[in-house]
Amino acid sequence: MNKIVKTALLNALGIAVYVILIASFFSFMQINFKETPDAFIAPIVMLLLLIFSAAITGFLVFGKPAMLYIDGKRKEALTLLGWTLFFIFVIIICVLVILITK
């Protein structure tokens, strides 16, 4: 398999695993902490999680393509970005199909 396609697939799978972990965390919190969360702390935690998630997914999607682009490998950078986005889209479609067929 082409190295760029393999890297893109690994990046997309990394994002999928990260999303599964975050969804599992929310499910765990909902099951185990039924009381109303502290009105001051909950938004802080959610905003910090948003920033952390943006950094992780931004790194997985744009990190390597940005490095390749800066190194003058524009075609490889755009190819890697395109394949990564394609694989993320395929994962989304697979999840939707699973949800619809349940």
PDB file of N, CA and C in Angstrom:
ATOM      1  N   MET A   1       0.850  -1.187   0.000  1.00  0.00           N
ATOM      2  CA  MET A   1       0.000   0.000   0.000  1.00  0.00           C
ATOM      3  C   MET A   1       0.888   1.240   0.000  1.00  0.00           C
ATOM      4  N   ASN A   2       0.472   2.227  -0.726  1.00  0.00           N
ATOM      5  CA  ASN A   2       1.206   3.480  -0.816  1.00  0.00           C
ATOM      6  C   ASN A   2       1.392   4.068   0.584  1.00  0.00           C
ATOM      7  N   LYS A   3       2.585   4.605   0.861  1.00  0.00           N
ATOM      8  CA  LYS A   3       2.883   5.142   2.198  1.00  0.00           C
ATOM      9  C   LYS A   3       1.941   6.280   2.576  1.00  0.00           C
ATOM     10  N   ILE A   4       1.604   7.144   1.638  1.00  0.00           N
ATOM     11  CA  ILE A   4       0.716   8.267   1.925  1.00  0.00           C
ATOM     12  C   ILE A   4      -0.677   7.752   2.286  1.00  0.00           C
ATOM     13  N   VAL A   5      -1.178   6.773   1.545  1.00  0.00           N
ATOM     14  CA  VAL A   5      -2.508   6.224   1.815  1.00  0.00           C
ATOM     15  C   VAL A   5      -2.511   5.519   3.171  1.00  0.00           C
ATOM     16  N   LYS A   6      -1.439   4.798   3.472  1.00  0.00           N
ATOM     17  CA  LYS A   6      -1.330   4.099   4.758  1.00  0.00           C
ATOM     18  C   LYS A   6      -1.305   5.103   5.922  1.00  0.00           C
ATOM     19  N   THR A   7      -0.556   6.181   5.778  1.00  0.00           N
ATOM     20  CA  THR A   7      -0.504   7.220   6.810  1.00  0.00           C
ATOM     21  C   THR A   7      -1.876   7.866   6.982  1.00  0.00           C
ATOM     22  N   ALA A   8      -2.556   8.136   5.878  1.00  0.00           N
ATOM     23  CA  ALA A   8      -3.890   8.739   5.943  1.00  0.00           C
ATOM     24  C   ALA A   8      -4.862   7.809   6.662  1.00  0.00           C
ATOM     25  N   LEU A   9      -4.803   6.513   6.365  1.00  0.00           N
ATOM     26  CA  LEU A   9      -5.682   5.544   7.024  1.00  0.00           C
ATOM     27  C   LEU A   9      -5.394   5.491   8.517  1.00  0.00           C
ATOM     28  N   LEU A  10      -4.133   5.488   8.889  1.00  0.00           N
ATOM     29  CA  LEU A  10      -3.777   5.469  10.315  1.00  0.00           C
ATOM     30  C   LEU A  10      -4.244   6.736  11.022  1.00  0.00           C
ATOM     31  N   ASN A  11      -4.118   7.891  10.378  1.00  0.00           N
ATOM     32  CA  ASN A  11      -4.605   9.145  10.957  1.00  0.00           C
ATOM     33  C   ASN A  11      -6.119   9.099  11.167  1.00  0.00           C
ATOM     34  N   ALA A  12      -6.849   8.618  10.163  1.00  0.00           N
ATOM     35  CA  ALA A  12      -8.311   8.538  10.269  1.00  0.00           C
ATOM     36  C   ALA A  12      -8.715   7.549  11.362  1.00  0.00           C
ATOM     37  N   LEU A  13      -8.033   6.425  11.435  1.00  0.00           N
ATOM     38  CA  LEU A  13      -8.338   5.459  12.494  1.00  0.00           C
ATOM     39  C   LEU A  13      -7.994   6.027  13.869  1.00  0.00           C
ATOM     40  N   GLY A  14      -6.929   6.804  13.952  1.00  0.00           N
ATOM     41  CA  GLY A  14      -6.579   7.460  15.208  1.00  0.00           C
ATOM     42  C   GLY A  14      -7.673   8.418  15.661  1.00  0.00           C
ATOM     43  N   ILE A  15      -8.240   9.156  14.723  1.00  0.00           N
ATOM     44  CA  ILE A  15      -9.335  10.064  15.045  1.00  0.00           C
ATOM     45  C   ILE A  15     -10.556   9.268  15.490  1.00  0.00           C
ATOM     46  N   ALA A  16     -10.848   8.163  14.802  1.00  0.00           N
ATOM     47  CA  ALA A  16     -11.999   7.335  15.180  1.00  0.00           C
ATOM     48  C   ALA A  16     -11.830   6.775  16.590  1.00  0.00           C
ATOM     49  N   VAL A  17     -10.640   6.298  16.908  1.00  0.00           N
ATOM     50  CA  VAL A  17     -10.381   5.776  18.248  1.00  0.00           C
ATOM     51  C   VAL A  17     -10.533   6.887  19.286  1.00  0.00           C
ATOM     52  N   TYR A  18     -10.017   8.060  18.998  1.00  0.00           N
ATOM     53  CA  TYR A  18     -10.138   9.182  19.920  1.00  0.00           C
ATOM     54  C   TYR A  18     -11.606   9.537  20.153  1.00  0.00           C
ATOM     55  N   VAL A  19     -12.400   9.576  19.098  1.00  0.00           N
ATOM     56  CA  VAL A  19     -13.822   9.902  19.224  1.00  0.00           C
ATOM     57  C   VAL A  19     -14.537   8.827  20.048  1.00  0.00           C
ATOM     58  N   ILE A  20     -14.194   7.562  19.825  1.00  0.00           N
ATOM     59  CA  ILE A  20     -14.790   6.473  20.612  1.00  0.00           C
ATOM     60  C   ILE A  20     -14.437   6.630  22.086  1.00  0.00           C
ATOM     61  N   LEU A  21     -13.205   6.992  22.385  1.00  0.00           N
ATOM     62  CA  LEU A  21     -12.802   7.189  23.779  1.00  0.00           C
ATOM     63  C   LEU A  21     -13.571   8.347  24.430  1.00  0.00           C
ATOM     64  N   ILE A  22     -13.724   9.451  23.718  1.00  0.00           N
ATOM     65  CA  ILE A  22     -14.451  10.598  24.266  1.00  0.00           C
ATOM     66  C   ILE A  22     -15.930  10.247  24.459  1.00  0.00           C
ATOM     67  N   ALA A  23     -16.533   9.547  23.481  1.00  0.00           N
ATOM     68  CA  ALA A  23     -17.936   9.137  23.619  1.00  0.00           C
ATOM     69  C   ALA A  23     -18.098   8.170  24.793  1.00  0.00           C
ATOM     70  N   SER A  24     -17.142   7.285  24.974  1.00  0.00           N
ATOM     71  CA  SER A  24     -17.183   6.355  26.114  1.00  0.00           C
ATOM     72  C   SER A  24     -17.078   7.111  27.429  1.00  0.00           C
ATOM     73  N   PHE A  25     -16.235   8.124  27.462  1.00  0.00           N
ATOM     74  CA  PHE A  25     -16.096   8.955  28.661  1.00  0.00           C
ATOM     75  C   PHE A  25     -17.422   9.633  29.000  1.00  0.00           C
ATOM     76  N   PHE A  26     -18.081  10.210  27.985  1.00  0.00           N
ATOM     77  CA  PHE A  26     -19.369  10.860  28.231  1.00  0.00           C
ATOM     78  C   PHE A  26     -20.411   9.854  28.713  1.00  0.00           C
ATOM     79  N   SER A  27     -20.424   8.681  28.117  1.00  0.00           N
ATOM     80  CA  SER A  27     -21.359   7.645  28.536  1.00  0.00           C
ATOM     81  C   SER A  27     -21.094   7.231  29.980  1.00  0.00           C
ATOM     82  N   PHE A  28     -19.831   7.045  30.319  1.00  0.00           N
ATOM     83  CA  PHE A  28     -19.445   6.697  31.690  1.00  0.00           C
ATOM     84  C   PHE A  28     -19.887   7.777  32.666  1.00  0.00           C
ATOM     85  N   MET A  29     -19.657   9.027  32.314  1.00  0.00           N
ATOM     86  CA  MET A  29     -20.032  10.130  33.196  1.00  0.00           C
ATOM     87  C   MET A  29     -21.547  10.194  33.381  1.00  0.00           C
ATOM     88  N   GLN A  30     -22.280   9.962  32.317  1.00  0.00           N
ATOM     89  CA  GLN A  30     -23.734  10.027  32.394  1.00  0.00           C
ATOM     90  C   GLN A  30     -24.290   8.900  33.262  1.00  0.00           C
ATOM     91  N   ILE A  31     -23.727   7.710  33.153  1.00  0.00           N
ATOM     92  CA  ILE A  31     -24.201   6.563  33.921  1.00  0.00           C
ATOM     93  C   ILE A  31     -23.829   6.692  35.394  1.00  0.00           C
ATOM     94  N   ASN A  32     -22.620   7.117  35.682  1.00  0.00           N
ATOM     95  CA  ASN A  32     -22.106   7.093  37.045  1.00  0.00           C
ATOM     96  C   ASN A  32     -22.328   8.362  37.851  1.00  0.00           C
ATOM     97  N   PHE A  33     -22.623   9.459  37.195  1.00  0.00           N
ATOM     98  CA  PHE A  33     -22.822  10.717  37.912  1.00  0.00           C
ATOM     99  C   PHE A  33     -24.159  11.324  37.496  1.00  0.00           C
ATOM    100  N   LYS A  34     -25.213  10.829  38.104  1.00  0.00           N
ATOM    101  CA  LYS A  34     -26.558  11.252  37.730  1.00  0.00           C
ATOM    102  C   LYS A  34     -26.926  12.625  38.283  1.00  0.00           C
ATOM    103  N   GLU A  35     -26.226  13.075  39.315  1.00  0.00           N
ATOM    104  CA  GLU A  35     -26.536  14.385  39.875  1.00  0.00           C
ATOM    105  C   GLU A  35     -26.181  15.483  38.880  1.00  0.00           C
ATOM    106  N   THR A  36     -26.770  16.629  39.074  1.00  0.00           N
ATOM    107  CA  THR A  36     -26.473  17.783  38.233  1.00  0.00           C
ATOM    108  C   THR A  36     -25.039  18.228  38.493  1.00  0.00           C
ATOM    109  N   PRO A  37     -24.228  18.369  37.427  1.00  0.00           N
ATOM    110  CA  PRO A  37     -22.849  18.809  37.649  1.00  0.00           C
ATOM    111  C   PRO A  37     -22.793  20.254  38.131  1.00  0.00           C
ATOM    112  N   ASP A  38     -21.709  20.583  38.729  1.00  0.00           N
ATOM    113  CA  ASP A  38     -21.506  21.950  39.202  1.00  0.00           C
ATOM    114  C   ASP A  38     -21.643  22.905  38.016  1.00  0.00           C
ATOM    115  N   ALA A  39     -22.497  23.891  38.160  1.00  0.00           N
ATOM    116  CA  ALA A  39     -22.800  24.821  37.067  1.00  0.00           C
ATOM    117  C   ALA A  39     -21.586  25.640  36.645  1.00  0.00           C
ATOM    118  N   PHE A  40     -20.595  25.754  37.504  1.00  0.00           N
ATOM    119  CA  PHE A  40     -19.400  26.527  37.161  1.00  0.00           C
ATOM    120  C   PHE A  40     -18.329  25.636  36.520  1.00  0.00           C
ATOM    121  N   ILE A  41     -18.165  24.440  37.034  1.00  0.00           N
ATOM    122  CA  ILE A  41     -17.092  23.551  36.579  1.00  0.00           C
ATOM    123  C   ILE A  41     -17.410  22.889  35.231  1.00  0.00           C
ATOM    124  N   ALA A  42     -18.661  22.508  35.006  1.00  0.00           N
ATOM    125  CA  ALA A  42     -19.023  21.784  33.779  1.00  0.00           C
ATOM    126  C   ALA A  42     -18.649  22.549  32.503  1.00  0.00           C
ATOM    127  N   PRO A  43     -18.963  23.838  32.366  1.00  0.00           N
ATOM    128  CA  PRO A  43     -18.567  24.544  31.141  1.00  0.00           C
ATOM    129  C   PRO A  43     -17.048  24.658  30.982  1.00  0.00           C
ATOM    130  N   ILE A  44     -16.344  24.766  32.090  1.00  0.00           N
ATOM    131  CA  ILE A  44     -14.877  24.835  32.022  1.00  0.00           C
ATOM    132  C   ILE A  44     -14.316  23.534  31.470  1.00  0.00           C
ATOM    133  N   VAL A  45     -14.816  22.417  31.998  1.00  0.00           N
ATOM    134  CA  VAL A  45     -14.351  21.108  31.528  1.00  0.00           C
ATOM    135  C   VAL A  45     -14.697  20.913  30.058  1.00  0.00           C
ATOM    136  N   MET A  46     -15.900  21.298  29.649  1.00  0.00           N
ATOM    137  CA  MET A  46     -16.314  21.130  28.255  1.00  0.00           C
ATOM    138  C   MET A  46     -15.472  21.980  27.309  1.00  0.00           C
ATOM    139  N   LEU A  47     -15.177  23.206  27.683  1.00  0.00           N
ATOM    140  CA  LEU A  47     -14.346  24.058  26.826  1.00  0.00           C
ATOM    141  C   LEU A  47     -12.913  23.543  26.742  1.00  0.00           C
ATOM    142  N   LEU A  48     -12.384  23.075  27.865  1.00  0.00           N
ATOM    143  CA  LEU A  48     -11.039  22.498  27.833  1.00  0.00           C
ATOM    144  C   LEU A  48     -11.000  21.238  26.975  1.00  0.00           C
ATOM    145  N   LEU A  49     -12.041  20.421  27.067  1.00  0.00           N
ATOM    146  CA  LEU A  49     -12.115  19.226  26.227  1.00  0.00           C
ATOM    147  C   LEU A  49     -12.229  19.596  24.752  1.00  0.00           C
ATOM    148  N   LEU A  50     -12.981  20.646  24.454  1.00  0.00           N
ATOM    149  CA  LEU A  50     -13.087  21.121  23.069  1.00  0.00           C
ATOM    150  C   LEU A  50     -11.722  21.542  22.527  1.00  0.00           C
ATOM    151  N   ILE A  51     -10.985  22.298  23.319  1.00  0.00           N
ATOM    152  CA  ILE A  51      -9.656  22.752  22.896  1.00  0.00           C
ATOM    153  C   ILE A  51      -8.711  21.571  22.722  1.00  0.00           C
ATOM    154  N   PHE A  52      -8.745  20.646  23.664  1.00  0.00           N
ATOM    155  CA  PHE A  52      -7.894  19.452  23.582  1.00  0.00           C
ATOM    156  C   PHE A  52      -8.253  18.624  22.349  1.00  0.00           C
ATOM    157  N   SER A  53      -9.546  18.446  22.103  1.00  0.00           N
ATOM    158  CA  SER A  53      -9.989  17.668  20.944  1.00  0.00           C
ATOM    159  C   SER A  53      -9.587  18.335  19.630  1.00  0.00           C
ATOM    160  N   ALA A  54      -9.713  19.649  19.576  1.00  0.00           N
ATOM    161  CA  ALA A  54      -9.304  20.368  18.365  1.00  0.00           C
ATOM    162  C   ALA A  54      -7.806  20.198  18.116  1.00  0.00           C
ATOM    163  N   ALA A  55      -7.019  20.214  19.179  1.00  0.00           N
ATOM    164  CA  ALA A  55      -5.571  20.043  19.029  1.00  0.00           C
ATOM    165  C   ALA A  55      -5.232  18.632  18.552  1.00  0.00           C
ATOM    166  N   ILE A  56      -5.850  17.629  19.154  1.00  0.00           N
ATOM    167  CA  ILE A  56      -5.566  16.236  18.771  1.00  0.00           C
ATOM    168  C   ILE A  56      -5.982  15.980  17.328  1.00  0.00           C
ATOM    169  N   THR A  57      -7.232  16.301  17.005  1.00  0.00           N
ATOM    170  CA  THR A  57      -7.702  16.025  15.650  1.00  0.00           C
ATOM    171  C   THR A  57      -7.017  16.918  14.617  1.00  0.00           C
ATOM    172  N   GLY A  58      -6.725  18.151  14.987  1.00  0.00           N
ATOM    173  CA  GLY A  58      -5.990  19.030  14.077  1.00  0.00           C
ATOM    174  C   GLY A  58      -4.608  18.486  13.763  1.00  0.00           C
ATOM    175  N   PHE A  59      -3.954  17.959  14.787  1.00  0.00           N
ATOM    176  CA  PHE A  59      -2.639  17.366  14.577  1.00  0.00           C
ATOM    177  C   PHE A  59      -2.729  16.138  13.676  1.00  0.00           C
ATOM    178  N   LEU A  60      -3.723  15.277  13.926  1.00  0.00           N
ATOM    179  CA  LEU A  60      -3.846  14.058  13.123  1.00  0.00           C
ATOM    180  C   LEU A  60      -4.241  14.347  11.680  1.00  0.00           C
ATOM    181  N   VAL A  61      -5.059  15.374  11.462  1.00  0.00           N
ATOM    182  CA  VAL A  61      -5.509  15.668  10.095  1.00  0.00           C
ATOM    183  C   VAL A  61      -4.529  16.579   9.363  1.00  0.00           C
ATOM    184  N   PHE A  62      -4.053  17.638  10.031  1.00  0.00           N
ATOM    185  CA  PHE A  62      -3.275  18.664   9.338  1.00  0.00           C
ATOM    186  C   PHE A  62      -1.779  18.685   9.669  1.00  0.00           C
ATOM    187  N   GLY A  63      -1.355  17.951  10.692  1.00  0.00           N
ATOM    188  CA  GLY A  63       0.039  18.020  11.127  1.00  0.00           C
ATOM    189  C   GLY A  63       1.040  17.621  10.059  1.00  0.00           C
ATOM    190  N   LYS A  64       0.952  16.375   9.618  1.00  0.00           N
ATOM    191  CA  LYS A  64       1.894  15.884   8.601  1.00  0.00           C
ATOM    192  C   LYS A  64       1.732  16.601   7.258  1.00  0.00           C
ATOM    193  N   PRO A  65       0.482  16.846   6.772  1.00  0.00           N
ATOM    194  CA  PRO A  65       0.361  17.599   5.527  1.00  0.00           C
ATOM    195  C   PRO A  65       0.992  18.992   5.608  1.00  0.00           C
ATOM    196  N   ALA A  66       0.849  19.650   6.754  1.00  0.00           N
ATOM    197  CA  ALA A  66       1.456  20.979   6.902  1.00  0.00           C
ATOM    198  C   ALA A  66       2.977  20.890   6.838  1.00  0.00           C
ATOM    199  N   MET A  67       3.540  19.868   7.481  1.00  0.00           N
ATOM    200  CA  MET A  67       5.001  19.692   7.440  1.00  0.00           C
ATOM    201  C   MET A  67       5.472  19.417   6.018  1.00  0.00           C
ATOM    202  N   LEU A  68       4.741  18.561   5.297  1.00  0.00           N
ATOM    203  CA  LEU A  68       5.107  18.278   3.905  1.00  0.00           C
ATOM    204  C   LEU A  68       4.995  19.530   3.041  1.00  0.00           C
ATOM    205  N   TYR A  69       3.950  20.312   3.255  1.00  0.00           N
ATOM    206  CA  TYR A  69       3.743  21.530   2.469  1.00  0.00           C
ATOM    207  C   TYR A  69       4.867  22.528   2.714  1.00  0.00           C
ATOM    208  N   ILE A  70       5.259  22.681   3.955  1.00  0.00           N
ATOM    209  CA  ILE A  70       6.350  23.604   4.294  1.00  0.00           C
ATOM    210  C   ILE A  70       7.671  23.132   3.680  1.00  0.00           C
ATOM    211  N   ASP A  71       7.846  21.809   3.610  1.00  0.00           N
ATOM    212  CA  ASP A  71       9.065  21.252   3.010  1.00  0.00           C
ATOM    213  C   ASP A  71       9.053  21.324   1.489  1.00  0.00           C
ATOM    214  N   GLY A  72       8.001  21.901   0.904  1.00  0.00           N
ATOM    215  CA  GLY A  72       7.936  22.052  -0.546  1.00  0.00           C
ATOM    216  C   GLY A  72       7.304  20.864  -1.258  1.00  0.00           C
ATOM    217  N   LYS A  73       6.795  19.902  -0.523  1.00  0.00           N
ATOM    218  CA  LYS A  73       6.153  18.723  -1.115  1.00  0.00           C
ATOM    219  C   LYS A  73       4.648  18.953  -1.147  1.00  0.00           C
ATOM    220  N   ARG A  74       4.249  19.910  -1.960  1.00  0.00           N
ATOM    221  CA  ARG A  74       2.850  20.335  -1.984  1.00  0.00           C
ATOM    222  C   ARG A  74       1.910  19.232  -2.453  1.00  0.00           C
ATOM    223  N   LYS A  75       2.297  18.502  -3.493  1.00  0.00           N
ATOM    224  CA  LYS A  75       1.431  17.446  -4.031  1.00  0.00           C
ATOM    225  C   LYS A  75       1.222  16.350  -2.992  1.00  0.00           C
ATOM    226  N   GLU A  76       2.300  15.928  -2.322  1.00  0.00           N
ATOM    227  CA  GLU A  76       2.175  14.891  -1.296  1.00  0.00           C
ATOM    228  C   GLU A  76       1.313  15.381  -0.128  1.00  0.00           C
ATOM    229  N   ALA A  77       1.469  16.657   0.237  1.00  0.00           N
ATOM    230  CA  ALA A  77       0.696  17.224   1.344  1.00  0.00           C
ATOM    231  C   ALA A  77      -0.795  17.201   1.027  1.00  0.00           C
ATOM    232  N   LEU A  78      -1.163  17.652  -0.149  1.00  0.00           N
ATOM    233  CA  LEU A  78      -2.577  17.676  -0.523  1.00  0.00           C
ATOM    234  C   LEU A  78      -3.127  16.264  -0.703  1.00  0.00           C
ATOM    235  N   THR A  79      -2.302  15.355  -1.213  1.00  0.00           N
ATOM    236  CA  THR A  79      -2.727  13.966  -1.358  1.00  0.00           C
ATOM    237  C   THR A  79      -2.998  13.338   0.002  1.00  0.00           C
ATOM    238  N   LEU A  80      -2.088  13.550   0.952  1.00  0.00           N
ATOM    239  CA  LEU A  80      -2.271  13.008   2.303  1.00  0.00           C
ATOM    240  C   LEU A  80      -3.520  13.599   2.952  1.00  0.00           C
ATOM    241  N   LEU A  81      -3.706  14.887   2.850  1.00  0.00           N
ATOM    242  CA  LEU A  81      -4.890  15.524   3.423  1.00  0.00           C
ATOM    243  C   LEU A  81      -6.164  14.970   2.784  1.00  0.00           C
ATOM    244  N   GLY A  82      -6.158  14.849   1.472  1.00  0.00           N
ATOM    245  CA  GLY A  82      -7.328  14.321   0.766  1.00  0.00           C
ATOM    246  C   GLY A  82      -7.670  12.900   1.178  1.00  0.00           C
ATOM    247  N   TRP A  83      -6.662  12.032   1.247  1.00  0.00           N
ATOM    248  CA  TRP A  83      -6.906  10.646   1.658  1.00  0.00           C
ATOM    249  C   TRP A  83      -7.361  10.564   3.111  1.00  0.00           C
ATOM    250  N   THR A  84      -6.798  11.388   3.980  1.00  0.00           N
ATOM    251  CA  THR A  84      -7.222  11.389   5.385  1.00  0.00           C
ATOM    252  C   THR A  84      -8.693  11.778   5.486  1.00  0.00           C
ATOM    253  N   LEU A  85      -9.080  12.839   4.798  1.00  0.00           N
ATOM    254  CA  LEU A  85     -10.476  13.266   4.817  1.00  0.00           C
ATOM    255  C   LEU A  85     -11.389  12.214   4.189  1.00  0.00           C
ATOM    256  N   PHE A  86     -10.918  11.559   3.145  1.00  0.00           N
ATOM    257  CA  PHE A  86     -11.691  10.485   2.518  1.00  0.00           C
ATOM    258  C   PHE A  86     -11.930   9.348   3.504  1.00  0.00           C
ATOM    259  N   PHE A  87     -10.891   8.920   4.206  1.00  0.00           N
ATOM    260  CA  PHE A  87     -11.049   7.819   5.153  1.00  0.00           C
ATOM    261  C   PHE A  87     -11.947   8.213   6.327  1.00  0.00           C
ATOM    262  N   ILE A  88     -11.873   9.453   6.770  1.00  0.00           N
ATOM    263  CA  ILE A  88     -12.782   9.913   7.829  1.00  0.00           C
ATOM    264  C   ILE A  88     -14.223   9.850   7.317  1.00  0.00           C
ATOM    265  N   PHE A  89     -14.440  10.263   6.089  1.00  0.00           N
ATOM    266  CA  PHE A  89     -15.774  10.202   5.491  1.00  0.00           C
ATOM    267  C   PHE A  89     -16.266   8.762   5.412  1.00  0.00           C
ATOM    268  N   VAL A  90     -15.404   7.840   5.012  1.00  0.00           N
ATOM    269  CA  VAL A  90     -15.778   6.422   4.932  1.00  0.00           C
ATOM    270  C   VAL A  90     -16.160   5.892   6.313  1.00  0.00           C
ATOM    271  N   ILE A  91     -15.413   6.279   7.341  1.00  0.00           N
ATOM    272  CA  ILE A  91     -15.739   5.862   8.705  1.00  0.00           C
ATOM    273  C   ILE A  91     -17.107   6.409   9.111  1.00  0.00           C
ATOM    274  N   ILE A  92     -17.384   7.671   8.781  1.00  0.00           N
ATOM    275  CA  ILE A  92     -18.692   8.261   9.088  1.00  0.00           C
ATOM    276  C   ILE A  92     -19.808   7.474   8.406  1.00  0.00           C
ATOM    277  N   ILE A  93     -19.626   7.155   7.137  1.00  0.00           N
ATOM    278  CA  ILE A  93     -20.642   6.400   6.393  1.00  0.00           C
ATOM    279  C   ILE A  93     -20.844   5.029   7.022  1.00  0.00           C
ATOM    280  N   CYS A  94     -19.768   4.358   7.406  1.00  0.00           N
ATOM    281  CA  CYS A  94     -19.880   3.041   8.042  1.00  0.00           C
ATOM    282  C   CYS A  94     -20.660   3.117   9.349  1.00  0.00           C
ATOM    283  N   VAL A  95     -20.379   4.117  10.152  1.00  0.00           N
ATOM    284  CA  VAL A  95     -21.105   4.289  11.418  1.00  0.00           C
ATOM    285  C   VAL A  95     -22.580   4.570  11.157  1.00  0.00           C
ATOM    286  N   LEU A  96     -22.868   5.417  10.169  1.00  0.00           N
ATOM    287  CA  LEU A  96     -24.263   5.703   9.837  1.00  0.00           C
ATOM    288  C   LEU A  96     -24.996   4.454   9.358  1.00  0.00           C
ATOM    289  N   VAL A  97     -24.344   3.646   8.551  1.00  0.00           N
ATOM    290  CA  VAL A  97     -24.945   2.405   8.074  1.00  0.00           C
ATOM    291  C   VAL A  97     -25.244   1.476   9.245  1.00  0.00           C
ATOM    292  N   ILE A  98     -24.324   1.377  10.179  1.00  0.00           N
ATOM    293  CA  ILE A  98     -24.541   0.546  11.376  1.00  0.00           C
ATOM    294  C   ILE A  98     -25.734   1.072  12.167  1.00  0.00           C
ATOM    295  N   LEU A  99     -25.821   2.376  12.335  1.00  0.00           N
ATOM    296  CA  LEU A  99     -26.936   2.961  13.083  1.00  0.00           C
ATOM    297  C   LEU A  99     -28.273   2.750  12.383  1.00  0.00           C
ATOM    298  N   ILE A 100     -28.284   2.894  11.083  1.00  0.00           N
ATOM    299  CA  ILE A 100     -29.528   2.774  10.317  1.00  0.00           C
ATOM    300  C   ILE A 100     -30.025   1.335  10.301  1.00  0.00           C
ATOM    301  N   THR A 101     -29.117   0.380  10.202  1.00  0.00           N
ATOM    302  CA  THR A 101     -29.509  -1.032  10.088  1.00  0.00           C
ATOM    303  C   THR A 101     -29.836  -1.673  11.426  1.00  0.00           C
ATOM    304  N   LYS A 102     -29.616  -0.970  12.529  1.00  0.00           N
ATOM    305  CA  LYS A 102     -29.941  -1.532  13.853  1.00  0.00           C
ATOM    306  C   LYS A 102     -31.417  -1.562  14.092  1.00  0.00           C
TER     307      LYS A 102
END
